[in-house]
Amino acid sequence: MSIKFLAEDDRPREKFLLKGKNSLSDSELLAIIMGSGSRDETAVELARKILTSVDNNWHQLSLLTIKDLVKFKGVGEVKAISIATALEIGKRRANQEIPEKPLISCSKDAYNILKMHLSDLRTEEFWALFLNQSNKVIHIAQLTQGGINQSIVDIRILFKTALEHFSTGIIISHNHPSGNLKPSAEDISITKQVKEAGNVMNIQLLDHLIITQNAYTSFSDEGLL
């Protein structure tokens, strides 16, 4: 359905879904926060009026109190609190440092991240690190949880997750509760499948780690990739 056929109160949300958050104007963003307008105005129109009163400046809007906000027809305490809360979240976000993404320069770096998830398990699990072009970790995910003997990864889910996070490289890993660090025939086979799929999608398989309680094997270090 085209946006123009939707009720105006629904347009900002639908536009968000269809075109992304960056396509929304300030008034449309504020309209989503409020949720609805008044009897005489749509949410977008009401949002536009509120923003106009502060010269379309979010900093100035954040200075308005709840009492100031409820003076606008159609804004009750609930909407006013929603507006103030959203602005406070923005303020706190701006004051926080962006957390540094871990850099993977060798297999030990990957092991140090993954061992906390895999080293003490009694059943096999399959995890992956998703990396950007600078080899920094941008996402960590558990992909499967298997039985006592095996954990088989769905390659489609692996690369779907990689695409969702715009990854250019991945490191896959699973544990051997038995303590055996030697790759099985199945481990070698799944590694080959992941590598071949990655070559097609231009997403490089950087390593496959087998993790036990106190040690690990790296396919890359062993020349098995």
Protein backbone atom coordinates (compact mmCIF):
# COMPACT_ATOMS: atom_id res chain seq x y z
CA MET A 1 0.00 0.00 0.00
CA SER A 2 1.29 3.46 -0.90
CA ILE A 3 1.88 5.95 1.91
CA LYS A 4 -0.48 8.50 0.35
CA PHE A 5 -3.46 6.17 0.88
CA LEU A 6 -2.84 5.87 4.62
CA ALA A 7 -4.39 7.98 7.37
CA GLU A 8 -1.95 10.77 8.19
CA ASP A 9 -1.53 9.61 11.79
CA ASP A 10 -0.20 6.31 10.44
CA ARG A 11 2.07 7.76 7.78
CA PRO A 12 5.16 8.46 9.92
CA ARG A 13 5.26 4.88 11.22
CA GLU A 14 4.66 3.42 7.78
CA LYS A 15 7.25 5.75 6.27
CA PHE A 16 9.71 4.63 8.94
CA LEU A 17 9.17 1.01 7.92
CA LEU A 18 9.20 1.62 4.18
CA LYS A 19 11.98 4.17 3.86
CA GLY A 20 13.89 4.10 7.14
CA LYS A 21 14.30 6.49 10.07
CA ASN A 22 16.49 8.94 8.16
CA SER A 23 13.61 9.71 5.78
CA LEU A 24 11.47 11.21 8.56
CA SER A 25 11.23 14.92 9.27
CA ASP A 26 11.52 16.23 12.82
CA SER A 27 7.76 16.68 13.04
CA GLU A 28 7.20 13.10 11.89
CA LEU A 29 9.61 11.79 14.51
CA LEU A 30 7.85 13.77 17.22
CA ALA A 31 4.48 12.56 15.93
CA ILE A 32 5.61 8.94 16.41
CA ILE A 33 6.67 9.73 19.98
CA MET A 34 3.27 11.27 20.77
CA GLY A 35 1.32 8.52 19.04
CA SER A 36 -1.72 10.62 18.13
CA GLY A 37 -2.89 14.17 17.57
CA SER A 38 -5.94 16.02 18.80
CA ARG A 39 -9.54 16.15 17.65
CA ASP A 40 -8.67 19.01 15.32
CA GLU A 41 -5.12 18.10 14.25
CA THR A 42 -3.20 15.06 13.16
CA ALA A 43 -0.17 14.00 15.14
CA VAL A 44 2.09 15.46 12.47
CA GLU A 45 0.30 18.81 12.53
CA LEU A 46 0.42 18.95 16.31
CA ALA A 47 4.10 18.03 16.29
CA ARG A 48 4.80 20.74 13.73
CA LYS A 49 3.06 23.32 15.92
CA ILE A 50 5.06 22.30 18.98
CA LEU A 51 8.37 22.41 17.12
CA THR A 52 7.56 25.77 15.54
CA SER A 53 7.06 27.21 19.03
CA VAL A 54 10.71 26.40 19.84
CA ASP A 55 12.12 27.44 16.44
CA ASN A 56 12.40 23.77 15.43
CA ASN A 57 15.19 23.26 17.93
CA TRP A 58 15.32 20.02 19.92
CA HIS A 59 17.48 21.61 22.60
CA GLN A 60 14.88 24.30 23.16
CA LEU A 61 12.13 21.70 23.23
CA SER A 62 13.97 19.81 25.96
CA LEU A 63 13.77 22.92 28.15
CA LEU A 64 9.97 22.84 28.20
CA THR A 65 8.43 21.42 31.34
CA ILE A 66 5.47 19.05 31.50
CA LYS A 67 3.31 22.07 32.35
CA ASP A 68 4.58 23.86 29.26
CA LEU A 69 3.84 20.90 27.01
CA VAL A 70 0.30 20.24 28.23
CA LYS A 71 -0.64 23.79 27.24
CA PHE A 72 -0.76 22.57 23.64
CA LYS A 73 -4.23 21.35 22.77
CA GLY A 74 -4.09 17.59 22.36
CA VAL A 75 -1.11 17.09 24.65
CA GLY A 76 -1.96 15.53 27.98
CA GLU A 77 0.39 14.38 30.70
CA VAL A 78 1.02 11.01 29.03
CA LYS A 79 2.13 12.60 25.75
CA ALA A 80 4.13 15.26 27.58
CA ILE A 81 5.96 12.61 29.59
CA SER A 82 6.63 10.61 26.40
CA ILE A 83 8.18 13.68 24.76
CA ALA A 84 10.28 14.53 27.82
CA THR A 85 11.41 10.91 28.17
CA ALA A 86 12.52 10.66 24.53
CA LEU A 87 14.49 13.88 24.84
CA GLU A 88 16.12 12.71 28.07
CA ILE A 89 17.17 9.46 26.37
CA GLY A 90 18.72 11.51 23.57
CA LYS A 91 20.56 13.64 26.10
CA ARG A 92 21.96 10.62 27.95
CA ARG A 93 22.97 8.97 24.67
CA ALA A 94 24.86 12.09 23.64
CA ASN A 95 26.74 12.08 26.94
CA GLN A 96 27.83 8.46 26.64
CA GLU A 97 30.97 7.35 24.90
CA ILE A 98 30.56 4.93 22.04
CA PRO A 99 31.88 1.58 23.32
CA GLU A 100 35.03 0.45 21.59
CA LYS A 101 34.53 -2.61 19.41
CA PRO A 102 36.97 -5.46 20.15
CA LEU A 103 39.68 -5.85 17.50
CA ILE A 104 40.51 -9.33 16.30
CA SER A 105 44.16 -9.57 15.25
CA CYS A 106 44.74 -13.28 15.95
CA SER A 107 42.91 -16.44 16.99
CA LYS A 108 43.64 -15.76 20.68
CA ASP A 109 41.64 -12.52 20.49
CA ALA A 110 38.62 -14.42 19.20
CA TYR A 111 39.10 -17.17 21.78
CA ASN A 112 39.17 -14.67 24.64
CA ILE A 113 35.73 -13.41 23.57
CA LEU A 114 34.15 -16.79 22.82
CA LYS A 115 35.49 -18.84 25.74
CA MET A 116 33.14 -17.13 28.20
CA HIS A 117 30.22 -18.43 26.16
CA LEU A 118 31.47 -21.89 25.27
CA SER A 119 34.19 -23.26 27.56
CA ASP A 120 32.05 -24.66 30.39
CA LEU A 121 29.07 -26.10 28.51
CA ARG A 122 28.00 -29.75 28.65
CA THR A 123 26.34 -29.68 25.24
CA GLU A 124 27.59 -28.29 21.97
CA GLU A 125 26.67 -24.80 20.84
CA PHE A 126 27.59 -22.92 17.69
CA TRP A 127 28.46 -19.22 17.92
CA ALA A 128 29.78 -16.62 15.51
CA LEU A 129 31.60 -13.30 15.64
CA PHE A 130 30.65 -10.83 12.92
CA LEU A 131 33.37 -8.36 11.94
CA ASN A 132 33.62 -5.17 9.93
CA GLN A 133 36.33 -4.26 7.41
CA SER A 134 38.65 -3.23 10.25
CA ASN A 135 38.35 -6.69 11.83
CA LYS A 136 36.41 -5.24 14.75
CA VAL A 137 33.57 -7.25 16.28
CA ILE A 138 30.21 -5.66 15.54
CA HIS A 139 27.95 -8.53 16.63
CA ILE A 140 28.10 -11.81 18.55
CA ALA A 141 25.42 -14.47 18.20
CA GLN A 142 24.56 -17.97 19.29
CA LEU A 143 23.26 -19.74 16.20
CA THR A 144 22.46 -23.26 17.38
CA GLN A 145 22.27 -25.28 20.55
CA GLY A 146 22.76 -28.96 19.97
CA GLY A 147 22.62 -32.22 21.83
CA ILE A 148 25.33 -33.97 23.79
CA ASN A 149 27.31 -34.85 20.66
CA GLN A 150 26.70 -32.31 17.90
CA SER A 151 25.55 -28.85 16.95
CA ILE A 152 24.82 -28.25 13.27
CA VAL A 153 24.71 -24.68 12.00
CA ASP A 154 22.19 -23.48 9.44
CA ILE A 155 24.35 -21.63 6.93
CA ARG A 156 21.38 -19.58 5.75
CA ILE A 157 20.86 -18.16 9.24
CA LEU A 158 24.58 -17.49 9.61
CA PHE A 159 24.79 -15.38 6.47
CA LYS A 160 21.39 -13.77 7.03
CA THR A 161 22.77 -12.47 10.33
CA ALA A 162 25.99 -11.36 8.64
CA LEU A 163 24.05 -9.39 6.03
CA GLU A 164 21.82 -7.79 8.67
CA HIS A 165 24.91 -6.40 10.41
CA PHE A 166 26.80 -5.51 7.21
CA SER A 167 29.62 -7.84 8.17
CA THR A 168 32.55 -8.40 5.85
CA GLY A 169 34.10 -11.20 7.89
CA ILE A 170 32.96 -13.92 10.25
CA ILE A 171 34.57 -16.24 12.78
CA ILE A 172 32.59 -19.36 13.61
CA SER A 173 33.08 -21.43 16.73
CA HIS A 174 31.69 -24.38 18.62
CA ASN A 175 32.67 -26.28 21.71
CA HIS A 176 33.68 -29.91 22.29
CA PRO A 177 32.43 -30.84 25.78
CA SER A 178 34.49 -34.04 25.53
CA GLY A 179 37.69 -32.01 25.65
CA ASN A 180 38.86 -33.33 22.29
CA LEU A 181 40.43 -30.52 20.25
CA LYS A 182 40.74 -32.51 17.03
CA PRO A 183 38.28 -31.40 14.31
CA SER A 184 35.81 -34.07 13.28
CA ALA A 185 34.96 -34.87 9.67
CA GLU A 186 31.73 -32.95 10.21
CA ASP A 187 33.62 -29.92 11.56
CA ILE A 188 35.81 -29.88 8.45
CA SER A 189 32.79 -30.30 6.17
CA ILE A 190 30.77 -27.46 7.69
CA THR A 191 33.82 -25.20 7.60
CA LYS A 192 34.22 -25.88 3.89
CA GLN A 193 30.54 -25.15 3.27
CA VAL A 194 30.67 -21.86 5.20
CA LYS A 195 33.83 -20.78 3.39
CA GLU A 196 32.35 -21.54 -0.04
CA ALA A 197 29.11 -19.71 0.79
CA GLY A 198 31.12 -16.76 2.07
CA ASN A 199 33.12 -16.60 -1.15
CA VAL A 200 29.89 -16.31 -3.13
CA MET A 201 28.57 -13.54 -0.86
CA ASN A 202 31.90 -11.74 -0.46
CA ILE A 203 31.88 -12.36 3.28
CA GLN A 204 35.15 -13.95 4.35
CA LEU A 205 35.36 -16.83 6.79
CA LEU A 206 38.34 -15.77 8.90
CA ASP A 207 38.54 -18.70 11.30
CA HIS A 208 36.75 -21.60 12.94
CA LEU A 209 37.55 -22.24 16.59
CA ILE A 210 36.93 -25.45 18.48
CA ILE A 211 36.81 -24.63 22.17
CA THR A 212 37.21 -26.87 25.21
CA GLN A 213 37.32 -25.93 28.88
CA ASN A 214 40.91 -24.77 28.87
CA ALA A 215 42.11 -24.67 25.27
CA TYR A 216 41.15 -24.20 21.64
CA THR A 217 42.02 -25.18 18.09
CA SER A 218 42.10 -22.60 15.32
CA PHE A 219 41.44 -23.80 11.77
CA SER A 220 43.33 -20.76 10.50
CA ASP A 221 46.40 -21.40 12.66
CA GLU A 222 46.38 -25.06 11.62
CA GLY A 223 46.11 -24.23 7.92
CA LEU A 224 42.71 -25.91 7.62
CA LEU A 225 40.83 -23.02 5.96
